[in-house]
C-alpha atoms as a PDB file:
ATOM      1  CA  MET A   1     -20.559 -29.683 -16.465  1.00  0.00           C
ATOM      2  CA  GLY A   2     -19.796 -26.160 -17.687  1.00  0.00           C
ATOM      3  CA  ILE A   3     -18.097 -23.607 -15.491  1.00  0.00           C
ATOM      4  CA  LEU A   4     -21.337 -21.658 -14.957  1.00  0.00           C
ATOM      5  CA  ASN A   5     -23.421 -24.730 -14.111  1.00  0.00           C
ATOM      6  CA  LYS A   6     -20.775 -25.878 -11.648  1.00  0.00           C
ATOM      7  CA  TYR A   7     -20.820 -22.379 -10.152  1.00  0.00           C
ATOM      8  CA  LEU A   8     -24.606 -22.367  -9.759  1.00  0.00           C
ATOM      9  CA  THR A   9     -24.367 -25.718  -7.970  1.00  0.00           C
ATOM     10  CA  LEU A  10     -21.688 -24.274  -5.681  1.00  0.00           C
ATOM     11  CA  ILE A  11     -24.028 -21.390  -4.832  1.00  0.00           C
ATOM     12  CA  LYS A  12     -26.824 -23.786  -3.864  1.00  0.00           C
ATOM     13  CA  GLU A  13     -24.502 -25.878  -1.705  1.00  0.00           C
ATOM     14  CA  ASN A  14     -22.736 -22.906  -0.018  1.00  0.00           C
ATOM     15  CA  PRO A  15     -25.161 -19.963   0.051  1.00  0.00           C
ATOM     16  CA  ASP A  16     -23.278 -18.130   2.819  1.00  0.00           C
ATOM     17  CA  MET A  17     -20.297 -17.646   0.498  1.00  0.00           C
ATOM     18  CA  PHE A  18     -22.495 -15.784  -2.004  1.00  0.00           C
ATOM     19  CA  ARG A  19     -24.704 -13.780   0.332  1.00  0.00           C
ATOM     20  CA  ASN A  20     -25.299 -10.022   0.107  1.00  0.00           C
ATOM     21  CA  SER A  21     -25.828  -8.117   3.341  1.00  0.00           C
ATOM     22  CA  GLY A  22     -27.501  -5.082   1.784  1.00  0.00           C
ATOM     23  CA  ASP A  23     -25.035  -2.778   3.524  1.00  0.00           C
ATOM     24  CA  ILE A  24     -24.150   0.484   1.802  1.00  0.00           C
ATOM     25  CA  GLY A  25     -20.820   0.185   0.000  1.00  0.00           C
ATOM     26  CA  GLU A  26     -20.670  -3.594  -0.308  1.00  0.00           C
ATOM     27  CA  ILE A  27     -19.747  -5.388  -3.534  1.00  0.00           C
ATOM     28  CA  LYS A  28     -22.903  -7.301  -4.451  1.00  0.00           C
ATOM     29  CA  ILE A  29     -22.755 -10.737  -6.052  1.00  0.00           C
ATOM     30  CA  ILE A  30     -25.216 -11.334  -8.871  1.00  0.00           C
ATOM     31  CA  THR A  31     -26.411 -14.942  -8.749  1.00  0.00           C
ATOM     32  CA  ASP A  32     -29.406 -14.916 -11.113  1.00  0.00           C
ATOM     33  CA  GLU A  33     -28.457 -17.043 -14.126  1.00  0.00           C
ATOM     34  CA  LYS A  34     -30.403 -14.994 -16.686  1.00  0.00           C
ATOM     35  CA  ARG A  35     -28.843 -11.746 -15.534  1.00  0.00           C
ATOM     36  CA  ILE A  36     -25.356 -13.301 -15.487  1.00  0.00           C
ATOM     37  CA  LEU A  37     -25.746 -14.389 -19.116  1.00  0.00           C
ATOM     38  CA  ALA A  38     -27.168 -11.010 -20.195  1.00  0.00           C
ATOM     39  CA  GLU A  39     -24.433  -8.990 -18.490  1.00  0.00           C
ATOM     40  CA  GLN A  40     -21.740 -11.346 -19.823  1.00  0.00           C
ATOM     41  CA  LYS A  41     -22.980 -10.773 -23.356  1.00  0.00           C
ATOM     42  CA  LYS A  42     -22.708  -6.997 -23.024  1.00  0.00           C
ATOM     43  CA  ILE A  43     -19.283  -7.098 -21.401  1.00  0.00           C
ATOM     44  CA  ARG A  44     -17.936  -9.593 -23.957  1.00  0.00           C
ATOM     45  CA  ALA A  45     -18.977  -7.237 -26.770  1.00  0.00           C
ATOM     46  CA  LYS A  46     -17.129  -4.391 -25.035  1.00  0.00           C
ATOM     47  CA  LEU A  47     -14.004  -6.527 -24.540  1.00  0.00           C
ATOM     48  CA  LYS A  48     -14.039  -7.577 -28.193  1.00  0.00           C
ATOM     49  CA  LYS A  49     -14.303  -3.934 -29.296  1.00  0.00           C
ATOM     50  CA  GLU A  50     -11.286  -3.114 -27.110  1.00  0.00           C
ATOM     51  CA  GLY A  51      -9.297  -6.057 -28.483  1.00  0.00           C
ATOM     52  CA  LYS A  52      -9.272  -7.885 -25.160  1.00  0.00           C
ATOM     53  CA  PRO A  53      -9.965 -11.603 -24.497  1.00  0.00           C
ATOM     54  CA  SER A  54     -13.627 -12.414 -23.971  1.00  0.00           C
ATOM     55  CA  CYS A  55     -12.656 -15.030 -21.364  1.00  0.00           C
ATOM     56  CA  TRP A  56     -11.943 -12.158 -18.975  1.00  0.00           C
ATOM     57  CA  ILE A  57     -15.666 -12.151 -18.171  1.00  0.00           C
ATOM     58  CA  ASP A  58     -16.159 -15.915 -17.933  1.00  0.00           C
ATOM     59  CA  ILE A  59     -18.296 -16.352 -14.813  1.00  0.00           C
ATOM     60  CA  GLY A  60     -18.138 -19.591 -12.853  1.00  0.00           C
ATOM     61  CA  VAL A  61     -15.717 -22.125 -11.437  1.00  0.00           C
ATOM     62  CA  LEU A  62     -12.559 -21.407 -13.442  1.00  0.00           C
ATOM     63  CA  ALA A  63     -10.510 -24.184 -11.809  1.00  0.00           C
ATOM     64  CA  GLU A  64     -10.623 -26.530  -8.850  1.00  0.00           C
ATOM     65  CA  ASP A  65      -8.578 -29.149  -7.059  1.00  0.00           C
ATOM     66  CA  GLU A  66      -8.810 -30.937  -3.726  1.00  0.00           C
ATOM     67  CA  TRP A  67      -7.840 -27.720  -1.888  1.00  0.00           C
ATOM     68  CA  ASP A  68      -9.515 -24.756  -3.602  1.00  0.00           C
ATOM     69  CA  TYR A  69     -12.092 -23.458  -6.026  1.00  0.00           C
ATOM     70  CA  ILE A  70     -11.046 -20.504  -8.172  1.00  0.00           C
ATOM     71  CA  VAL A  71     -14.237 -18.668  -9.111  1.00  0.00           C
ATOM     72  CA  ARG A  72     -15.132 -15.483 -10.905  1.00  0.00           C
ATOM     73  CA  ASP A  73     -18.305 -13.833  -9.619  1.00  0.00           C
ATOM     74  CA  LEU A  74     -20.399 -11.330 -11.528  1.00  0.00           C
ATOM     75  CA  VAL A  75     -20.620  -8.357  -9.193  1.00  0.00           C
ATOM     76  CA  GLU A  76     -22.108  -4.916  -8.902  1.00  0.00           C
ATOM     77  CA  PHE A  77     -19.636  -2.417  -7.488  1.00  0.00           C
ATOM     78  CA  PRO A  78     -20.775   0.401  -5.157  1.00  0.00           C
ATOM     79  CA  ASP A  79     -20.779   2.878  -8.069  1.00  0.00           C
ATOM     80  CA  GLY A  80     -23.155   0.657 -10.083  1.00  0.00           C
ATOM     81  CA  ARG A  81     -20.563  -0.815 -12.463  1.00  0.00           C
ATOM     82  CA  ILE A  82     -21.017  -4.473 -13.383  1.00  0.00           C
ATOM     83  CA  GLY A  83     -17.988  -6.714 -13.851  1.00  0.00           C
ATOM     84  CA  GLY A  84     -16.177  -9.885 -12.910  1.00  0.00           C
ATOM     85  CA  PHE A  85     -14.296 -10.353  -9.657  1.00  0.00           C
ATOM     86  CA  ARG A  86     -12.114 -13.433  -9.084  1.00  0.00           C
ATOM     87  CA  ARG A  87     -11.580 -15.095  -5.715  1.00  0.00           C
ATOM     88  CA  ASP A  88     -10.313 -18.352  -4.220  1.00  0.00           C
ATOM     89  CA  LEU A  89     -12.602 -20.429  -2.019  1.00  0.00           C
ATOM     90  CA  ASN A  90     -10.926 -22.812   0.402  1.00  0.00           C
ATOM     91  CA  ARG A  91     -12.552 -26.169  -0.259  1.00  0.00           C
ATOM     92  CA  LYS A  92     -11.645 -27.565   3.171  1.00  0.00           C
ATOM     93  CA  ASN A  93     -13.393 -24.646   4.883  1.00  0.00           C
ATOM     94  CA  LEU A  94     -16.503 -25.264   2.781  1.00  0.00           C
ATOM     95  CA  GLU A  95     -16.374 -28.885   3.987  1.00  0.00           C
ATOM     96  CA  SER A  96     -16.350 -27.619   7.615  1.00  0.00           C
ATOM     97  CA  GLY A  97     -12.615 -27.900   8.167  1.00  0.00           C
ATOM     98  CA  THR A  98     -10.807 -25.188  10.154  1.00  0.00           C
ATOM     99  CA  GLY A  99      -7.354 -24.013   9.122  1.00  0.00           C
ATOM    100  CA  VAL A 100      -4.794 -23.584  11.900  1.00  0.00           C
ATOM    101  CA  VAL A 101      -1.690 -21.531  12.731  1.00  0.00           C
ATOM    102  CA  ILE A 102       0.362 -22.585  15.771  1.00  0.00           C
ATOM    103  CA  MET A 103       3.050 -20.734  17.723  1.00  0.00           C
ATOM    104  CA  PRO A 104       5.054 -23.637  19.258  1.00  0.00           C
ATOM    105  CA  VAL A 105       7.297 -22.904  22.246  1.00  0.00           C
ATOM    106  CA  GLN A 106       9.751 -24.881  24.342  1.00  0.00           C
ATOM    107  CA  GLY A 107      10.465 -22.914  27.512  1.00  0.00           C
ATOM    108  CA  ASN A 108      11.510 -19.432  26.388  1.00  0.00           C
ATOM    109  CA  ARG A 109      12.262 -20.516  22.827  1.00  0.00           C
ATOM    110  CA  VAL A 110       9.983 -20.617  19.817  1.00  0.00           C
ATOM    111  CA  LEU A 111      10.078 -22.965  16.829  1.00  0.00           C
ATOM    112  CA  LEU A 112      10.254 -21.395  13.375  1.00  0.00           C
ATOM    113  CA  LEU A 113      10.192 -23.277  10.072  1.00  0.00           C
ATOM    114  CA  LYS A 114      11.992 -22.193   6.926  1.00  0.00           C
ATOM    115  CA  HIS A 115       9.183 -23.156   4.555  1.00  0.00           C
ATOM    116  CA  TYR A 116       9.043 -22.989   0.767  1.00  0.00           C
ATOM    117  CA  ARG A 117       5.893 -21.430  -0.751  1.00  0.00           C
ATOM    118  CA  HIS A 118       5.205 -22.387  -4.337  1.00  0.00           C
ATOM    119  CA  GLU A 119       2.886 -19.440  -5.094  1.00  0.00           C
ATOM    120  CA  THR A 120       5.707 -16.890  -4.650  1.00  0.00           C
ATOM    121  CA  ARG A 121       8.625 -19.265  -5.365  1.00  0.00           C
ATOM    122  CA  ASN A 122      10.335 -18.207  -2.165  1.00  0.00           C
ATOM    123  CA  TRP A 123      11.321 -19.272   1.355  1.00  0.00           C
ATOM    124  CA  TYR A 124       9.645 -17.892   4.497  1.00  0.00           C
ATOM    125  CA  TRP A 125      10.224 -18.175   8.221  1.00  0.00           C
ATOM    126  CA  GLU A 126       6.884 -19.320   9.611  1.00  0.00           C
ATOM    127  CA  PHE A 127       5.038 -21.001  12.441  1.00  0.00           C
ATOM    128  CA  PRO A 128       3.452 -24.340  11.508  1.00  0.00           C
ATOM    129  CA  ARG A 129       0.103 -23.948   9.759  1.00  0.00           C
ATOM    130  CA  GLY A 130      -2.211 -25.849   7.501  1.00  0.00           C
ATOM    131  CA  TYR A 131      -5.553 -26.219   5.776  1.00  0.00           C
ATOM    132  CA  GLY A 132      -8.576 -27.461   7.641  1.00  0.00           C
ATOM    133  CA  THR A 133      -9.263 -31.170   7.826  1.00  0.00           C
ATOM    134  CA  PRO A 134     -12.960 -32.068   7.561  1.00  0.00           C
ATOM    135  CA  GLY A 135     -13.967 -34.226  10.505  1.00  0.00           C
ATOM    136  CA  LEU A 136     -11.300 -32.815  12.835  1.00  0.00           C
ATOM    137  CA  SER A 137     -11.763 -29.996  15.323  1.00  0.00           C
ATOM    138  CA  ALA A 138      -9.372 -27.033  15.139  1.00  0.00           C
ATOM    139  CA  GLU A 139      -7.484 -28.447  18.149  1.00  0.00           C
ATOM    140  CA  GLN A 140      -7.175 -31.896  16.584  1.00  0.00           C
ATOM    141  CA  ASN A 141      -6.004 -30.352  13.324  1.00  0.00           C
ATOM    142  CA  ALA A 142      -3.374 -28.279  15.161  1.00  0.00           C
ATOM    143  CA  ILE A 143      -1.992 -31.432  16.802  1.00  0.00           C
ATOM    144  CA  LYS A 144      -1.899 -33.160  13.413  1.00  0.00           C
ATOM    145  CA  GLU A 145      -0.030 -30.248  11.789  1.00  0.00           C
ATOM    146  CA  LEU A 146       2.549 -30.112  14.588  1.00  0.00           C
ATOM    147  CA  SER A 147       3.155 -33.842  14.302  1.00  0.00           C
ATOM    148  CA  GLU A 148       3.520 -33.607  10.520  1.00  0.00           C
ATOM    149  CA  GLU A 149       5.716 -30.502  10.389  1.00  0.00           C
ATOM    150  CA  VAL A 150       7.948 -30.646  13.477  1.00  0.00           C
ATOM    151  CA  GLY A 151       7.558 -34.219  14.726  1.00  0.00           C
ATOM    152  CA  LEU A 152       6.510 -33.132  18.231  1.00  0.00           C
ATOM    153  CA  LEU A 153       3.232 -32.924  20.169  1.00  0.00           C
ATOM    154  CA  PRO A 154       1.926 -30.119  22.387  1.00  0.00           C
ATOM    155  CA  ARG A 155       1.565 -30.491  26.170  1.00  0.00           C
ATOM    156  CA  LYS A 156      -0.815 -27.548  26.142  1.00  0.00           C
ATOM    157  CA  LEU A 157      -2.690 -25.926  23.271  1.00  0.00           C
ATOM    158  CA  ILE A 158      -4.304 -22.524  23.825  1.00  0.00           C
ATOM    159  CA  PRO A 159      -6.465 -20.667  21.258  1.00  0.00           C
ATOM    160  CA  VAL A 160      -5.405 -17.007  20.988  1.00  0.00           C
ATOM    161  CA  PHE A 161      -7.353 -15.690  18.012  1.00  0.00           C
ATOM    162  CA  GLY A 162      -9.544 -16.805  15.161  1.00  0.00           C
ATOM    163  CA  ARG A 163     -12.789 -17.175  13.330  1.00  0.00           C
ATOM    164  CA  SER A 164     -14.705 -20.076  11.800  1.00  0.00           C
ATOM    165  CA  ASP A 165     -12.231 -20.646   8.932  1.00  0.00           C
ATOM    166  CA  THR A 166      -8.878 -20.237  10.752  1.00  0.00           C
ATOM    167  CA  MET A 167      -7.811 -20.611  14.384  1.00  0.00           C
ATOM    168  CA  PHE A 168      -4.535 -19.390  15.888  1.00  0.00           C
ATOM    169  CA  PHE A 169      -2.930 -21.259  18.804  1.00  0.00           C
ATOM    170  CA  TYR A 170      -0.139 -20.909  21.343  1.00  0.00           C
ATOM    171  CA  ALA A 171       1.363 -24.355  21.993  1.00  0.00           C
ATOM    172  CA  GLU A 172       3.602 -25.436  24.872  1.00  0.00           C
ATOM    173  CA  MET A 173       5.515 -28.286  23.275  1.00  0.00           C
ATOM    174  CA  ASP A 174       6.911 -31.563  24.542  1.00  0.00           C
ATOM    175  CA  ASP A 175      10.652 -31.656  25.093  1.00  0.00           C
ATOM    176  CA  GLY A 176      12.684 -33.133  22.279  1.00  0.00           C
ATOM    177  CA  GLU A 177      14.464 -32.144  19.117  1.00  0.00           C
ATOM    178  CA  PRO A 178      12.116 -30.983  16.345  1.00  0.00           C
ATOM    179  CA  GLN A 179      12.607 -32.826  13.097  1.00  0.00           C
ATOM    180  CA  THR A 180      11.801 -31.769   9.532  1.00  0.00           C
ATOM    181  CA  GLN A 181       9.437 -34.189   7.847  1.00  0.00           C
ATOM    182  CA  ASP A 182       9.715 -35.566   4.320  1.00  0.00           C
ATOM    183  CA  GLY A 183       7.450 -33.964   1.731  1.00  0.00           C
ATOM    184  CA  GLU A 184       6.693 -30.797   3.713  1.00  0.00           C
ATOM    185  CA  ALA A 185       9.046 -28.382   1.810  1.00  0.00           C
ATOM    186  CA  ILE A 186      10.660 -27.395   5.099  1.00  0.00           C
ATOM    187  CA  GLN A 187      14.385 -26.679   4.764  1.00  0.00           C
ATOM    188  CA  LYS A 188      15.128 -26.412   8.479  1.00  0.00           C
ATOM    189  CA  ILE A 189      13.687 -25.630  11.900  1.00  0.00           C
ATOM    190  CA  GLU A 190      15.162 -22.970  14.175  1.00  0.00           C
ATOM    191  CA  LEU A 191      14.641 -22.631  17.934  1.00  0.00           C
ATOM    192  CA  ILE A 192      15.112 -18.959  18.820  1.00  0.00           C
ATOM    193  CA  ASP A 193      14.525 -16.921  21.944  1.00  0.00           C
ATOM    194  CA  ILE A 194      10.982 -15.518  21.993  1.00  0.00           C
ATOM    195  CA  LYS A 195      12.313 -11.971  22.449  1.00  0.00           C
ATOM    196  CA  ASP A 196      14.189 -12.295  19.138  1.00  0.00           C
ATOM    197  CA  VAL A 197      10.973 -12.897  17.153  1.00  0.00           C
ATOM    198  CA  ASP A 198      10.084  -9.225  17.526  1.00  0.00           C
ATOM    199  CA  GLU A 199      13.429  -8.264  15.974  1.00  0.00           C
ATOM    200  CA  TRP A 200      12.980 -10.762  13.132  1.00  0.00           C
ATOM    201  CA  ILE A 201       9.617  -9.150  12.324  1.00  0.00           C
ATOM    202  CA  LEU A 202      10.966  -5.594  12.487  1.00  0.00           C
ATOM    203  CA  ASN A 203      13.911  -6.555  10.249  1.00  0.00           C
ATOM    204  CA  ASN A 204      11.633  -8.254   7.687  1.00  0.00           C
ATOM    205  CA  LYS A 205      13.155 -11.645   8.343  1.00  0.00           C
ATOM    206  CA  ILE A 206       9.648 -12.827   9.254  1.00  0.00           C
ATOM    207  CA  THR A 207       7.116 -11.520   6.716  1.00  0.00           C
ATOM    208  CA  ASP A 208       4.428 -14.201   6.887  1.00  0.00           C
ATOM    209  CA  TRP A 209       1.324 -12.457   8.215  1.00  0.00           C
ATOM    210  CA  PHE A 210      -0.159 -15.658   9.706  1.00  0.00           C
ATOM    211  CA  THR A 211       2.968 -15.957  11.860  1.00  0.00           C
ATOM    212  CA  ILE A 212       2.913 -12.280  12.811  1.00  0.00           C
ATOM    213  CA  ILE A 213      -0.746 -12.440  13.897  1.00  0.00           C
ATOM    214  CA  ALA A 214      -0.158 -15.567  16.013  1.00  0.00           C
ATOM    215  CA  PHE A 215       2.842 -13.959  17.710  1.00  0.00           C
ATOM    216  CA  LEU A 216       1.136 -10.625  18.408  1.00  0.00           C
ATOM    217  CA  MET A 217      -2.081 -12.185  19.723  1.00  0.00           C
ATOM    218  CA  ALA A 218      -0.212 -14.568  22.036  1.00  0.00           C
ATOM    219  CA  GLN A 219       1.770 -11.582  23.318  1.00  0.00           C
ATOM    220  CA  LYS A 220      -1.360  -9.459  23.801  1.00  0.00           C
ATOM    221  CA  ARG A 221      -2.959 -12.278  25.800  1.00  0.00           C
ATOM    222  CA  LYS A 222       0.214 -12.361  27.950  1.00  0.00           C
ATOM    223  CA  TYR A 223       1.198 -15.982  27.320  1.00  0.00           C
ATOM    224  CA  PHE A 224       4.756 -14.667  27.220  1.00  0.00           C
ATOM    225  CA  SER A 225       6.539 -11.362  27.777  1.00  0.00           C
ATOM    226  CA  LEU A 226       9.468  -9.784  25.959  1.00  0.00           C
END
C-alpha cells in the first residue's frame, strides 16, 4: 500500500485526528484525494525549479512502527498558502491507550530517574512515564510503569492533571528500595527531598517538561508543600 493510500485509510479510521474546526486562524488539513494530488503536482514542480527534493511534498504515512505514525498532511495555512506539515501520531493513543507521567514519593522524598532518551542522545532526570497501553486504564498503566521502571507499587495514586491522551499522577509509594530494571535505559534512581526538586528545575538539572508539569500540578493541588 502506498503512503497516500495508507494515509487515507488512517483518516477513515481516526477522523478526529484530521478534523477542521472552522475557527479563524487554524491550520486546515486537506483530506480530499484529488485535491491532494493536484496540489502535490504544483508544489513538486516548484521544488524542482528551485533544485529541491520533490519528496519534501510527499503526503501520507512516511513511516510507522508499533509506537508511532509519522505523517505529512497537506494543509492550508491561515494566509492561504498550501504546503506540507509533518507530525507524529502516537499509535497507542489512537488505539485508546493513555500515556502516563507519575510523580512517585516516599514520605517527603521523591523518586527521580536518570533516563537516556535516544531522540536527543542525552540523559535526563525524570519521573517515570510511558506510552499508553491499549486495554489498560490510565491508573492501571501507571501501576505497570512504576513496576517496570522502579520495581515498586503505589499505595495511593492520585490524578493531578491530564487529557485523553496523557494523564499525570501523584503516587504515594510502598516502602522499599527502588531498583533499576533491565532494558529500561535507566542509569540510576535518586531519592531527593521534595523541596530540592524546585531547585533542580531552576538550575536546569531537571529539563523534562513532563516531569515539570507533574511536579507543578501536584504542588498546585497541595499534595505537598515546599
